[in-house]
C-alpha atoms as a PDB file:
ATOM      1  CA  MET A   1     -12.098  26.167  -6.914  1.00  0.00           C
ATOM      2  CA  SER A   2     -10.306  25.844 -10.230  1.00  0.00           C
ATOM      3  CA  ASP A   3      -8.231  22.744 -10.918  1.00  0.00           C
ATOM      4  CA  PHE A   4      -4.958  24.477 -10.070  1.00  0.00           C
ATOM      5  CA  GLU A   5      -6.397  26.133  -6.962  1.00  0.00           C
ATOM      6  CA  SER A   6      -7.651  22.730  -5.813  1.00  0.00           C
ATOM      7  CA  LEU A   7      -4.203  21.210  -6.297  1.00  0.00           C
ATOM      8  CA  ILE A   8      -2.544  23.966  -4.252  1.00  0.00           C
ATOM      9  CA  PHE A   9      -5.272  23.645  -1.608  1.00  0.00           C
ATOM     10  CA  TYR A  10      -4.539  19.928  -1.186  1.00  0.00           C
ATOM     11  CA  ILE A  11      -0.769  20.356  -1.082  1.00  0.00           C
ATOM     12  CA  ILE A  12      -0.805  23.206   1.455  1.00  0.00           C
ATOM     13  CA  SER A  13      -3.393  21.454   3.649  1.00  0.00           C
ATOM     14  CA  PHE A  14      -1.395  18.218   3.671  1.00  0.00           C
ATOM     15  CA  LEU A  15       1.853  20.005   4.521  1.00  0.00           C
ATOM     16  CA  VAL A  16       0.250  21.972   7.367  1.00  0.00           C
ATOM     17  CA  SER A  17      -1.360  18.821   8.790  1.00  0.00           C
ATOM     18  CA  PHE A  18       1.984  17.004   8.569  1.00  0.00           C
ATOM     19  CA  PHE A  19       3.838  19.879  10.252  1.00  0.00           C
ATOM     20  CA  LEU A  20       1.375  19.865  13.164  1.00  0.00           C
ATOM     21  CA  TYR A  21       1.617  16.089  13.505  1.00  0.00           C
ATOM     22  CA  ALA A  22       5.420  16.378  13.565  1.00  0.00           C
ATOM     23  CA  LEU A  23       5.134  18.943  16.368  1.00  0.00           C
ATOM     24  CA  TYR A  24       2.892  16.560  18.307  1.00  0.00           C
ATOM     25  CA  ASN A  25       5.339  13.709  17.733  1.00  0.00           C
ATOM     26  CA  LYS A  26       8.204  15.849  19.028  1.00  0.00           C
ATOM     27  CA  TYR A  27       6.588  17.700  21.945  1.00  0.00           C
ATOM     28  CA  ASN A  28       3.683  15.345  22.750  1.00  0.00           C
ATOM     29  CA  LYS A  29       1.199  18.236  22.832  1.00  0.00           C
ATOM     30  CA  LYS A  30      -2.296  16.885  22.130  1.00  0.00           C
ATOM     31  CA  VAL A  31      -3.457  20.199  20.648  1.00  0.00           C
ATOM     32  CA  PHE A  32      -1.126  19.646  17.671  1.00  0.00           C
ATOM     33  CA  LEU A  33      -2.491  16.124  17.198  1.00  0.00           C
ATOM     34  CA  ILE A  34      -6.108  17.306  17.307  1.00  0.00           C
ATOM     35  CA  ILE A  35      -5.615  20.100  14.762  1.00  0.00           C
ATOM     36  CA  SER A  36      -3.566  17.799  12.550  1.00  0.00           C
ATOM     37  CA  PHE A  37      -6.475  15.342  12.599  1.00  0.00           C
ATOM     38  CA  ILE A  38      -9.144  18.003  12.053  1.00  0.00           C
ATOM     39  CA  ILE A  39      -7.615  19.359   8.825  1.00  0.00           C
ATOM     40  CA  PRO A  40      -8.013  16.189   6.685  1.00  0.00           C
ATOM     41  CA  CYS A  41     -11.193  15.339   8.571  1.00  0.00           C
ATOM     42  CA  LEU A  42     -12.831  18.558   7.362  1.00  0.00           C
ATOM     43  CA  ILE A  43     -11.416  18.256   3.844  1.00  0.00           C
ATOM     44  CA  GLY A  44     -12.857  14.770   3.457  1.00  0.00           C
ATOM     45  CA  GLY A  45     -16.018  15.281   5.482  1.00  0.00           C
ATOM     46  CA  LEU A  46     -17.210  18.581   4.023  1.00  0.00           C
ATOM     47  CA  ARG A  47     -16.558  17.876   0.330  1.00  0.00           C
ATOM     48  CA  TYR A  48     -19.402  18.056  -2.142  1.00  0.00           C
ATOM     49  CA  ASN A  49     -19.586  15.980  -5.325  1.00  0.00           C
ATOM     50  CA  VAL A  50     -15.874  15.241  -5.105  1.00  0.00           C
ATOM     51  CA  GLY A  51     -14.844  11.684  -5.944  1.00  0.00           C
ATOM     52  CA  THR A  52     -16.133   9.240  -8.538  1.00  0.00           C
ATOM     53  CA  ASP A  53     -18.460   7.419  -6.136  1.00  0.00           C
ATOM     54  CA  PHE A  54     -20.051  10.454  -4.475  1.00  0.00           C
ATOM     55  CA  GLN A  55     -23.292  10.346  -6.491  1.00  0.00           C
ATOM     56  CA  ASP A  56     -23.455   6.536  -6.321  1.00  0.00           C
ATOM     57  CA  TYR A  57     -23.337   6.590  -2.542  1.00  0.00           C
ATOM     58  CA  TYR A  58     -25.870   9.403  -2.452  1.00  0.00           C
ATOM     59  CA  TYR A  59     -28.257   7.236  -4.476  1.00  0.00           C
ATOM     60  CA  MET A  60     -27.590   4.228  -2.230  1.00  0.00           C
ATOM     61  CA  TYR A  61     -28.309   6.368   0.824  1.00  0.00           C
ATOM     62  CA  LEU A  62     -31.570   7.754  -0.588  1.00  0.00           C
ATOM     63  CA  THR A  63     -32.837   4.355  -1.756  1.00  0.00           C
ATOM     64  CA  LYS A  64     -31.655   2.612   1.431  1.00  0.00           C
ATOM     65  CA  ASN A  65     -29.631   0.185  -0.649  1.00  0.00           C
ATOM     66  CA  TYR A  66     -27.479  -1.066   2.194  1.00  0.00           C
ATOM     67  CA  ALA A  67     -24.424  -2.726   0.654  1.00  0.00           C
ATOM     68  CA  ASP A  68     -23.201  -4.079   3.983  1.00  0.00           C
ATOM     69  CA  VAL A  69     -23.870  -3.974   7.714  1.00  0.00           C
ATOM     70  CA  GLY A  70     -21.500  -1.070   8.272  1.00  0.00           C
ATOM     71  CA  PHE A  71     -23.137   1.071   5.600  1.00  0.00           C
ATOM     72  CA  LYS A  72     -26.567   0.336   7.061  1.00  0.00           C
ATOM     73  CA  ILE A  73     -25.529   1.339  10.586  1.00  0.00           C
ATOM     74  CA  ILE A  74     -23.803   4.541   9.481  1.00  0.00           C
ATOM     75  CA  SER A  75     -26.710   5.422   7.159  1.00  0.00           C
ATOM     76  CA  ILE A  76     -29.210   5.078   9.998  1.00  0.00           C
ATOM     77  CA  ILE A  77     -27.057   7.207  12.309  1.00  0.00           C
ATOM     78  CA  SER A  78     -26.627   9.828   9.554  1.00  0.00           C
ATOM     79  CA  SER A  79     -30.374   9.995   8.943  1.00  0.00           C
ATOM     80  CA  HIS A  80     -30.770  11.266  12.517  1.00  0.00           C
ATOM     81  CA  LEU A  81     -28.110  13.936  11.980  1.00  0.00           C
ATOM     82  CA  THR A  82     -27.735  16.030   8.821  1.00  0.00           C
ATOM     83  CA  GLY A  83     -28.321  13.246   6.339  1.00  0.00           C
ATOM     84  CA  PHE A  84     -25.949  12.154   3.595  1.00  0.00           C
ATOM     85  CA  GLN A  85     -23.272  14.731   4.414  1.00  0.00           C
ATOM     86  CA  SER A  86     -23.074  13.233   7.895  1.00  0.00           C
ATOM     87  CA  LEU A  87     -22.486   9.828   6.316  1.00  0.00           C
ATOM     88  CA  ILE A  88     -19.557  11.214   4.307  1.00  0.00           C
ATOM     89  CA  PHE A  89     -18.151  12.885   7.417  1.00  0.00           C
ATOM     90  CA  ILE A  90     -18.484   9.772   9.618  1.00  0.00           C
ATOM     91  CA  TYR A  91     -16.775   7.512   7.094  1.00  0.00           C
ATOM     92  CA  ASN A  92     -13.904   9.963   6.690  1.00  0.00           C
ATOM     93  CA  PHE A  93     -13.597  10.441  10.460  1.00  0.00           C
ATOM     94  CA  LEU A  94     -13.464   6.697  11.160  1.00  0.00           C
ATOM     95  CA  SER A  95     -10.967   6.058   8.368  1.00  0.00           C
ATOM     96  CA  LEU A  96      -8.631   8.722   9.742  1.00  0.00           C
ATOM     97  CA  PHE A  97      -9.152   7.431  13.288  1.00  0.00           C
ATOM     98  CA  PHE A  98      -7.825   3.973  12.427  1.00  0.00           C
ATOM     99  CA  ILE A  99      -4.981   5.454  10.374  1.00  0.00           C
ATOM    100  CA  PHE A 100      -3.882   7.537  13.359  1.00  0.00           C
ATOM    101  CA  LEU A 101      -4.087   4.433  15.559  1.00  0.00           C
ATOM    102  CA  GLY A 102      -2.023   2.507  13.034  1.00  0.00           C
ATOM    103  CA  LEU A 103       0.621   5.232  12.934  1.00  0.00           C
ATOM    104  CA  LYS A 104       1.336   4.535  16.600  1.00  0.00           C
ATOM    105  CA  ASN A 105       2.667   1.143  15.533  1.00  0.00           C
ATOM    106  CA  ILE A 106       5.468   2.814  13.582  1.00  0.00           C
ATOM    107  CA  ASN A 107       8.846   3.678  15.070  1.00  0.00           C
ATOM    108  CA  LYS A 108       8.520   7.180  16.547  1.00  0.00           C
ATOM    109  CA  ASN A 109      11.405   8.482  14.420  1.00  0.00           C
ATOM    110  CA  SER A 110       9.525   7.457  11.254  1.00  0.00           C
ATOM    111  CA  ARG A 111       5.960   8.228  12.323  1.00  0.00           C
ATOM    112  CA  SER A 112       5.582  11.840  11.175  1.00  0.00           C
ATOM    113  CA  PHE A 113       7.080  11.239   7.758  1.00  0.00           C
ATOM    114  CA  ALA A 114       4.916   8.136   7.303  1.00  0.00           C
ATOM    115  CA  TYR A 115       1.887  10.347   7.917  1.00  0.00           C
ATOM    116  CA  LEU A 116       3.004  12.757   5.189  1.00  0.00           C
ATOM    117  CA  CYS A 117       3.317   9.782   2.808  1.00  0.00           C
ATOM    118  CA  TYR A 118      -0.199   8.682   3.740  1.00  0.00           C
ATOM    119  CA  LEU A 119      -1.681  12.106   2.983  1.00  0.00           C
ATOM    120  CA  PHE A 120      -0.197  12.330  -0.506  1.00  0.00           C
ATOM    121  CA  LEU A 121      -0.434   8.658  -1.484  1.00  0.00           C
ATOM    122  CA  HIS A 122      -3.654   7.391   0.090  1.00  0.00           C
ATOM    123  CA  PHE A 123      -5.825   9.965   1.849  1.00  0.00           C
ATOM    124  CA  THR A 124      -7.864  11.070  -1.173  1.00  0.00           C
ATOM    125  CA  SER A 125      -8.778   7.442  -1.880  1.00  0.00           C
ATOM    126  CA  ASN A 126     -11.319   8.046   0.904  1.00  0.00           C
ATOM    127  CA  PHE A 127     -13.192  10.249  -1.574  1.00  0.00           C
ATOM    128  CA  ASN A 128     -14.124   7.270  -3.737  1.00  0.00           C
ATOM    129  CA  GLY A 129     -14.718   3.857  -2.239  1.00  0.00           C
ATOM    130  CA  ILE A 130     -15.580   5.193   1.203  1.00  0.00           C
ATOM    131  CA  ARG A 131     -16.723   1.787   2.455  1.00  0.00           C
ATOM    132  CA  GLN A 132     -13.613   0.013   1.277  1.00  0.00           C
ATOM    133  CA  MET A 133     -11.248   2.725   2.474  1.00  0.00           C
ATOM    134  CA  LEU A 134     -12.682   2.435   5.978  1.00  0.00           C
ATOM    135  CA  ALA A 135     -12.020  -1.298   5.732  1.00  0.00           C
ATOM    136  CA  VAL A 136      -8.477  -0.580   4.467  1.00  0.00           C
ATOM    137  CA  SER A 137      -7.830   1.725   7.435  1.00  0.00           C
ATOM    138  CA  ILE A 138      -8.956  -0.971   9.867  1.00  0.00           C
ATOM    139  CA  ILE A 139      -6.705  -3.557   8.193  1.00  0.00           C
ATOM    140  CA  PHE A 140      -3.855  -1.026   8.290  1.00  0.00           C
ATOM    141  CA  PHE A 141      -4.237  -0.890  12.060  1.00  0.00           C
ATOM    142  CA  ALA A 142      -4.618  -4.680  12.289  1.00  0.00           C
ATOM    143  CA  TYR A 143      -1.260  -5.341  10.613  1.00  0.00           C
ATOM    144  CA  LYS A 144       0.332  -4.953  14.043  1.00  0.00           C
ATOM    145  CA  TYR A 145      -1.245  -8.260  15.019  1.00  0.00           C
ATOM    146  CA  ILE A 146       0.485 -10.069  12.150  1.00  0.00           C
ATOM    147  CA  ASN A 147       3.823  -8.960  13.586  1.00  0.00           C
ATOM    148  CA  GLU A 148       2.675  -9.852  17.089  1.00  0.00           C
ATOM    149  CA  LYS A 149       1.393 -13.211  15.784  1.00  0.00           C
ATOM    150  CA  ASN A 150      -1.917 -12.602  17.520  1.00  0.00           C
ATOM    151  CA  LEU A 151      -4.394 -14.429  15.291  1.00  0.00           C
ATOM    152  CA  LYS A 152      -7.425 -13.806  17.516  1.00  0.00           C
ATOM    153  CA  LYS A 153      -7.124 -10.018  17.505  1.00  0.00           C
ATOM    154  CA  TYR A 154      -6.224  -9.960  13.798  1.00  0.00           C
ATOM    155  CA  LEU A 155      -9.373 -11.906  12.925  1.00  0.00           C
ATOM    156  CA  ILE A 156     -11.516  -9.628  15.099  1.00  0.00           C
ATOM    157  CA  PHE A 157     -10.407  -6.553  13.163  1.00  0.00           C
ATOM    158  CA  VAL A 158     -10.646  -8.316   9.799  1.00  0.00           C
ATOM    159  CA  LEU A 159     -14.228  -9.188  10.738  1.00  0.00           C
ATOM    160  CA  LEU A 160     -14.880  -5.549  11.646  1.00  0.00           C
ATOM    161  CA  ALA A 161     -13.389  -4.453   8.320  1.00  0.00           C
ATOM    162  CA  GLY A 162     -15.463  -7.104   6.531  1.00  0.00           C
ATOM    163  CA  LEU A 163     -18.629  -5.543   7.917  1.00  0.00           C
ATOM    164  CA  CYS A 164     -17.606  -2.375   6.054  1.00  0.00           C
ATOM    165  CA  HIS A 165     -16.551  -4.099   2.819  1.00  0.00           C
ATOM    166  CA  THR A 166     -16.565  -7.845   2.190  1.00  0.00           C
ATOM    167  CA  THR A 167     -13.307  -7.745   0.212  1.00  0.00           C
ATOM    168  CA  ALA A 168     -11.536  -7.283   3.560  1.00  0.00           C
ATOM    169  CA  PHE A 169     -11.958 -11.007   4.177  1.00  0.00           C
ATOM    170  CA  LEU A 170      -9.365 -11.565   1.444  1.00  0.00           C
ATOM    171  CA  CYS A 171      -6.806 -10.317   3.982  1.00  0.00           C
ATOM    172  CA  ILE A 172      -7.239 -13.356   6.228  1.00  0.00           C
ATOM    173  CA  PRO A 173      -4.642 -15.522   4.399  1.00  0.00           C
ATOM    174  CA  LEU A 174      -2.025 -12.803   4.913  1.00  0.00           C
ATOM    175  CA  TYR A 175      -1.673 -13.784   8.545  1.00  0.00           C
ATOM    176  CA  PHE A 176      -0.769 -17.377   7.775  1.00  0.00           C
ATOM    177  CA  ILE A 177       1.516 -16.488   4.881  1.00  0.00           C
ATOM    178  CA  PHE A 178       3.550 -13.801   6.600  1.00  0.00           C
ATOM    179  CA  THR A 179       3.846 -15.420  10.013  1.00  0.00           C
ATOM    180  CA  THR A 180       5.727 -18.308   8.449  1.00  0.00           C
ATOM    181  CA  SER A 181       9.514 -18.062   8.595  1.00  0.00           C
ATOM    182  CA  LYS A 182      10.035 -20.059   5.397  1.00  0.00           C
ATOM    183  CA  PHE A 183      11.052 -17.976   2.408  1.00  0.00           C
ATOM    184  CA  LYS A 184       9.791 -20.726   0.097  1.00  0.00           C
ATOM    185  CA  ASN A 185       6.226 -20.254   1.320  1.00  0.00           C
ATOM    186  CA  LYS A 186       6.382 -16.489   0.754  1.00  0.00           C
ATOM    187  CA  ALA A 187       7.819 -16.955  -2.731  1.00  0.00           C
ATOM    188  CA  LEU A 188       5.139 -19.484  -3.673  1.00  0.00           C
ATOM    189  CA  TYR A 189       2.480 -17.071  -2.467  1.00  0.00           C
ATOM    190  CA  LEU A 190       3.838 -14.246  -4.620  1.00  0.00           C
ATOM    191  CA  ILE A 191       3.997 -16.527  -7.667  1.00  0.00           C
ATOM    192  CA  LEU A 192       0.406 -17.565  -7.022  1.00  0.00           C
ATOM    193  CA  MET A 193      -0.674 -13.927  -6.885  1.00  0.00           C
ATOM    194  CA  ILE A 194       1.010 -13.241 -10.229  1.00  0.00           C
ATOM    195  CA  ILE A 195      -1.053 -16.038 -11.763  1.00  0.00           C
ATOM    196  CA  LEU A 196      -4.254 -14.799 -10.101  1.00  0.00           C
ATOM    197  CA  SER A 197      -3.625 -11.205 -11.203  1.00  0.00           C
ATOM    198  CA  ILE A 198      -3.189 -12.238 -14.826  1.00  0.00           C
ATOM    199  CA  ASN A 199      -6.390 -14.283 -14.665  1.00  0.00           C
ATOM    200  CA  PHE A 200      -8.438 -11.908 -12.533  1.00  0.00           C
ATOM    201  CA  GLN A 201     -11.562 -12.260 -14.726  1.00  0.00           C
ATOM    202  CA  ASN A 202     -11.688 -15.987 -14.018  1.00  0.00           C
ATOM    203  CA  VAL A 203     -11.120 -15.372 -10.310  1.00  0.00           C
ATOM    204  CA  ILE A 204     -14.052 -12.963 -10.102  1.00  0.00           C
ATOM    205  CA  THR A 205     -16.252 -15.375 -12.045  1.00  0.00           C
ATOM    206  CA  LEU A 206     -15.388 -18.110  -9.542  1.00  0.00           C
ATOM    207  CA  LEU A 207     -16.023 -15.885  -6.507  1.00  0.00           C
ATOM    208  CA  GLY A 208     -19.269 -14.720  -8.096  1.00  0.00           C
ATOM    209  CA  HIS A 209     -20.814 -18.120  -7.375  1.00  0.00           C
ATOM    210  CA  PHE A 210     -20.770 -17.213  -3.665  1.00  0.00           C
ATOM    211  CA  SER A 211     -23.488 -14.822  -2.512  1.00  0.00           C
ATOM    212  CA  LEU A 212     -21.003 -12.857  -0.431  1.00  0.00           C
ATOM    213  CA  PHE A 213     -19.077 -11.800  -3.550  1.00  0.00           C
ATOM    214  CA  ASN A 214     -21.601 -12.044  -6.408  1.00  0.00           C
ATOM    215  CA  LYS A 215     -22.144  -8.265  -6.474  1.00  0.00           C
ATOM    216  CA  TYR A 216     -18.577  -7.915  -7.734  1.00  0.00           C
ATOM    217  CA  MET A 217     -19.475  -9.664 -10.975  1.00  0.00           C
ATOM    218  CA  THR A 218     -20.221  -6.187 -12.360  1.00  0.00           C
ATOM    219  CA  TYR A 219     -16.473  -5.584 -12.441  1.00  0.00           C
ATOM    220  CA  LEU A 220     -16.310  -7.854 -15.477  1.00  0.00           C
ATOM    221  CA  ASN A 221     -18.292  -5.284 -17.447  1.00  0.00           C
ATOM    222  CA  TYR A 222     -15.017  -3.425 -17.859  1.00  0.00           C
ATOM    223  CA  GLN A 223     -13.213  -6.299 -19.528  1.00  0.00           C
ATOM    224  CA  GLY A 224     -11.382  -5.155 -22.647  1.00  0.00           C
ATOM    225  CA  VAL A 225     -11.478  -1.484 -21.660  1.00  0.00           C
ATOM    226  CA  SER A 226      -8.162   0.349 -21.305  1.00  0.00           C
ATOM    227  CA  PHE A 227      -7.523   2.449 -18.198  1.00  0.00           C
ATOM    228  CA  ASN A 228      -4.872   5.014 -17.295  1.00  0.00           C
ATOM    229  CA  ASN A 229      -2.980   2.935 -14.754  1.00  0.00           C
ATOM    230  CA  TYR A 230       0.242   4.784 -15.558  1.00  0.00           C
ATOM    231  CA  SER A 231       0.822   5.598 -11.895  1.00  0.00           C
ATOM    232  CA  PHE A 232       1.710   1.896 -11.565  1.00  0.00           C
ATOM    233  CA  PHE A 233       5.117   2.659 -13.045  1.00  0.00           C
ATOM    234  CA  LEU A 234       5.733   5.279 -10.379  1.00  0.00           C
ATOM    235  CA  ASP A 235       4.744   2.692  -7.762  1.00  0.00           C
ATOM    236  CA  LEU A 236       7.304   0.379  -9.342  1.00  0.00           C
ATOM    237  CA  LEU A 237       9.936   3.100  -9.009  1.00  0.00           C
ATOM    238  CA  ILE A 238       9.004   3.485  -5.343  1.00  0.00           C
ATOM    239  CA  LEU A 239       9.458  -0.280  -4.873  1.00  0.00           C
ATOM    240  CA  PHE A 240      12.959  -0.195  -6.366  1.00  0.00           C
ATOM    241  CA  TYR A 241      13.776   2.740  -4.112  1.00  0.00           C
ATOM    242  CA  ILE A 242      12.555   0.814  -1.068  1.00  0.00           C
ATOM    243  CA  LEU A 243      14.493  -2.313  -2.063  1.00  0.00           C
ATOM    244  CA  HIS A 244      17.661  -0.245  -2.336  1.00  0.00           C
ATOM    245  CA  PHE A 245      17.362   0.437   1.404  1.00  0.00           C
ATOM    246  CA  LYS A 246      16.015  -3.019   2.275  1.00  0.00           C
ATOM    247  CA  LYS A 247      18.819  -4.077   4.635  1.00  0.00           C
ATOM    248  CA  ARG A 248      18.880  -0.744   6.442  1.00  0.00           C
ATOM    249  CA  ILE A 249      15.173  -0.439   7.082  1.00  0.00           C
ATOM    250  CA  ILE A 250      14.915  -4.068   8.214  1.00  0.00           C
ATOM    251  CA  LYS A 251      17.818  -3.512  10.593  1.00  0.00           C
ATOM    252  CA  ASN A 252      16.061  -0.392  11.832  1.00  0.00           C
ATOM    253  CA  ASP A 253      12.758  -2.266  12.278  1.00  0.00           C
ATOM    254  CA  GLU A 254      12.464  -6.027  11.695  1.00  0.00           C
ATOM    255  CA  ARG A 255       8.758  -5.691  10.908  1.00  0.00           C
ATOM    256  CA  ASN A 256       9.722  -4.105   7.586  1.00  0.00           C
ATOM    257  CA  SER A 257      10.764  -7.511   6.251  1.00  0.00           C
ATOM    258  CA  VAL A 258       7.092  -8.546   6.339  1.00  0.00           C
ATOM    259  CA  TYR A 259       5.922  -5.185   5.000  1.00  0.00           C
ATOM    260  CA  ILE A 260       8.210  -5.444   1.956  1.00  0.00           C
ATOM    261  CA  TYR A 261       6.581  -8.741   0.945  1.00  0.00           C
ATOM    262  CA  ILE A 262       3.140  -7.231   1.430  1.00  0.00           C
ATOM    263  CA  TYR A 263       4.041  -4.258  -0.768  1.00  0.00           C
ATOM    264  CA  ILE A 264       5.403  -6.505  -3.524  1.00  0.00           C
ATOM    265  CA  PHE A 265       2.141  -8.419  -3.379  1.00  0.00           C
ATOM    266  CA  ALA A 266       0.228  -5.131  -3.691  1.00  0.00           C
ATOM    267  CA  LEU A 267       2.090  -4.139  -6.839  1.00  0.00           C
ATOM    268  CA  ILE A 268       1.528  -7.525  -8.415  1.00  0.00           C
ATOM    269  CA  LEU A 269      -2.179  -7.226  -7.725  1.00  0.00           C
ATOM    270  CA  SER A 270      -2.321  -3.637  -8.990  1.00  0.00           C
ATOM    271  CA  ILE A 271      -1.329  -4.858 -12.465  1.00  0.00           C
ATOM    272  CA  THR A 272      -5.042  -5.525 -12.933  1.00  0.00           C
ATOM    273  CA  GLY A 273      -5.533  -1.754 -12.934  1.00  0.00           C
ATOM    274  CA  PHE A 274      -4.718  -1.773 -16.648  1.00  0.00           C
ATOM    275  CA  PHE A 275      -7.935  -3.757 -17.158  1.00  0.00           C
ATOM    276  CA  SER A 276     -10.211  -2.938 -14.243  1.00  0.00           C
ATOM    277  CA  PRO A 277      -9.744  -0.092 -11.723  1.00  0.00           C
ATOM    278  CA  PHE A 278     -12.227  -1.806  -9.419  1.00  0.00           C
ATOM    279  CA  VAL A 279     -10.225  -5.013  -9.102  1.00  0.00           C
ATOM    280  CA  LYS A 280      -7.141  -2.864  -8.577  1.00  0.00           C
ATOM    281  CA  ARG A 281      -8.819  -1.427  -5.487  1.00  0.00           C
ATOM    282  CA  ILE A 282      -8.230  -4.722  -3.694  1.00  0.00           C
ATOM    283  CA  SER A 283      -4.499  -3.992  -3.808  1.00  0.00           C
ATOM    284  CA  THR A 284      -5.143  -0.921  -1.627  1.00  0.00           C
ATOM    285  CA  TYR A 285      -5.349  -3.177   1.441  1.00  0.00           C
ATOM    286  CA  PHE A 286      -1.709  -4.024   0.891  1.00  0.00           C
ATOM    287  CA  LYS A 287      -0.317  -0.976  -0.929  1.00  0.00           C
ATOM    288  CA  ILE A 288      -0.959   1.271   2.062  1.00  0.00           C
ATOM    289  CA  ILE A 289       1.960  -0.500   3.714  1.00  0.00           C
ATOM    290  CA  ASP A 290       4.273   1.714   1.645  1.00  0.00           C
ATOM    291  CA  ILE A 291       3.941   4.477   4.234  1.00  0.00           C
ATOM    292  CA  PHE A 292       5.665   2.231   6.790  1.00  0.00           C
ATOM    293  CA  LEU A 293       8.507   1.553   4.376  1.00  0.00           C
ATOM    294  CA  LEU A 294       9.018   5.043   2.953  1.00  0.00           C
ATOM    295  CA  GLY A 295       8.730   6.532   6.422  1.00  0.00           C
ATOM    296  CA  SER A 296      11.548   4.272   7.640  1.00  0.00           C
ATOM    297  CA  ILE A 297      14.111   5.186   4.978  1.00  0.00           C
ATOM    298  CA  PRO A 298      15.341   8.617   6.211  1.00  0.00           C
ATOM    299  CA  SER A 299      15.592   7.472   9.846  1.00  0.00           C
ATOM    300  CA  SER A 300      17.715   4.495   8.736  1.00  0.00           C
ATOM    301  CA  CYS A 301      20.381   6.776   7.240  1.00  0.00           C
ATOM    302  CA  PHE A 302      23.637   7.199   9.145  1.00  0.00           C
ATOM    303  CA  ASN A 303      24.137  10.950   8.867  1.00  0.00           C
ATOM    304  CA  ASN A 304      22.018  14.074   8.576  1.00  0.00           C
ATOM    305  CA  LYS A 305      23.138  14.782   5.002  1.00  0.00           C
ATOM    306  CA  ASN A 306      21.823  11.438   3.765  1.00  0.00           C
ATOM    307  CA  LYS A 307      18.654  11.859   5.805  1.00  0.00           C
ATOM    308  CA  LEU A 308      17.943  15.236   4.237  1.00  0.00           C
ATOM    309  CA  LEU A 309      18.668  13.909   0.754  1.00  0.00           C
ATOM    310  CA  ASN A 310      16.215  11.031   1.197  1.00  0.00           C
ATOM    311  CA  TYR A 311      13.568  13.303   2.681  1.00  0.00           C
ATOM    312  CA  ILE A 312      13.823  15.456  -0.457  1.00  0.00           C
ATOM    313  CA  ILE A 313      13.722  12.467  -2.824  1.00  0.00           C
ATOM    314  CA  ILE A 314      10.706  10.853  -1.148  1.00  0.00           C
ATOM    315  CA  ILE A 315       8.789  14.130  -0.903  1.00  0.00           C
ATOM    316  CA  PHE A 316       9.442  14.671  -4.603  1.00  0.00           C
ATOM    317  CA  LEU A 317       8.196  11.135  -5.394  1.00  0.00           C
ATOM    318  CA  ILE A 318       4.974  11.322  -3.379  1.00  0.00           C
ATOM    319  CA  ILE A 319       4.035  14.819  -4.543  1.00  0.00           C
ATOM    320  CA  THR A 320       4.836  13.870  -8.141  1.00  0.00           C
ATOM    321  CA  LYS A 321       2.581  10.831  -7.877  1.00  0.00           C
ATOM    322  CA  PHE A 322      -0.210  12.913  -6.355  1.00  0.00           C
ATOM    323  CA  VAL A 323       0.027  15.580  -9.060  1.00  0.00           C
ATOM    324  CA  LEU A 324       0.216  12.940 -11.805  1.00  0.00           C
ATOM    325  CA  SER A 325      -2.805  10.950 -10.636  1.00  0.00           C
ATOM    326  CA  ALA A 326      -5.033  13.765  -9.340  1.00  0.00           C
ATOM    327  CA  TYR A 327      -4.163  16.730 -11.546  1.00  0.00           C
ATOM    328  CA  VAL A 328      -2.717  15.344 -14.791  1.00  0.00           C
ATOM    329  CA  LEU A 329      -4.586  12.057 -15.221  1.00  0.00           C
ATOM    330  CA  LYS A 330      -7.697  13.314 -13.381  1.00  0.00           C
ATOM    331  CA  GLN A 331      -8.056  10.012 -11.587  1.00  0.00           C
ATOM    332  CA  ALA A 332     -10.880   9.622  -9.061  1.00  0.00           C
ATOM    333  CA  ASN A 333     -12.358  13.079  -9.783  1.00  0.00           C
ATOM    334  CA  ILE A 334     -10.901  14.675  -6.664  1.00  0.00           C
ATOM    335  CA  ILE A 335     -10.084  17.815  -8.667  1.00  0.00           C
ATOM    336  CA  PRO A 336     -11.716  20.305  -8.721  1.00  0.00           C
ATOM    337  CA  TYR A 337     -12.537  20.375  -5.026  1.00  0.00           C
ATOM    338  CA  TYR A 338     -15.825  21.794  -3.728  1.00  0.00           C
ATOM    339  CA  PHE A 339     -16.957  22.370  -0.161  1.00  0.00           C
ATOM    340  CA  MET A 340     -20.580  21.607   0.665  1.00  0.00           C
ATOM    341  CA  GLY A 341     -22.705  24.650  -0.089  1.00  0.00           C
ATOM    342  CA  GLY A 342     -20.110  26.400  -2.220  1.00  0.00           C
ATOM    343  CA  ASN A 343     -16.854  26.248  -4.166  1.00  0.00           C
END
């Protein structure tokens, strides 16, 4: 496909998948859910040489360079199927599986729209750091246990995510920070993260002394290099939009008060994207929470006119961000899109 054809392919596929999910959410017909799931599953699982890490993972698979336990298990399973393409498919399938589970934790009135936000804002991230994005999807599901204050189950899923990508263990402190009712503790945490984000090189150097994290020392090779992190400013605009509806969405769902703090934390951490896109990836664990928040805005409106207006505004924002990052800035090499065995 050409670049423009690839862009249209993504947009139409996402809209069709969303429409089917909305039908499932309204009529509870499993056939709509299954087809809605299959569409992104095939797009992500049957791609060929799409995404910046595609060739890197192919080399790791061929050389049996198992980066973590999860990659080793999935590689072994894939070797008994169709090989590397099976590995890509399995990772994409599992990531979507946990996303769909996590969507069940959202208010039913907001669920379908949250899924649309996921498709345009986060789905194609699965085409790059496939190991980390599986971990992100698991953490996304596990956020329910922060709200339920169930430490045992939260740790179980963080451990599972950590087997896919060790950076998932950085999510453990979130439980203790966001289950506290004291605003002072939350504020201190955010201030701390500002300091850590500004000094991310020193943080990585410190973590590099531990064998679990020493492989991330390579991220420092990008120190002093400028990157096109301009989508950060659109994320900032999304934050201001969310904050404008803060009282309404919290009234609609009290869990959003925690999610707002998590999203602010994500944006603070994503500042590092101006220096290292790899360190910025850590913010993905927390930035994915924006689909909860954006999905809640239209349903919190008092009349249909305001609901429609906010649907239009949010759709414009998420599609604009997708076009900017994927098509204009060419981030992550997801355009042009190629199916395995052809264009």
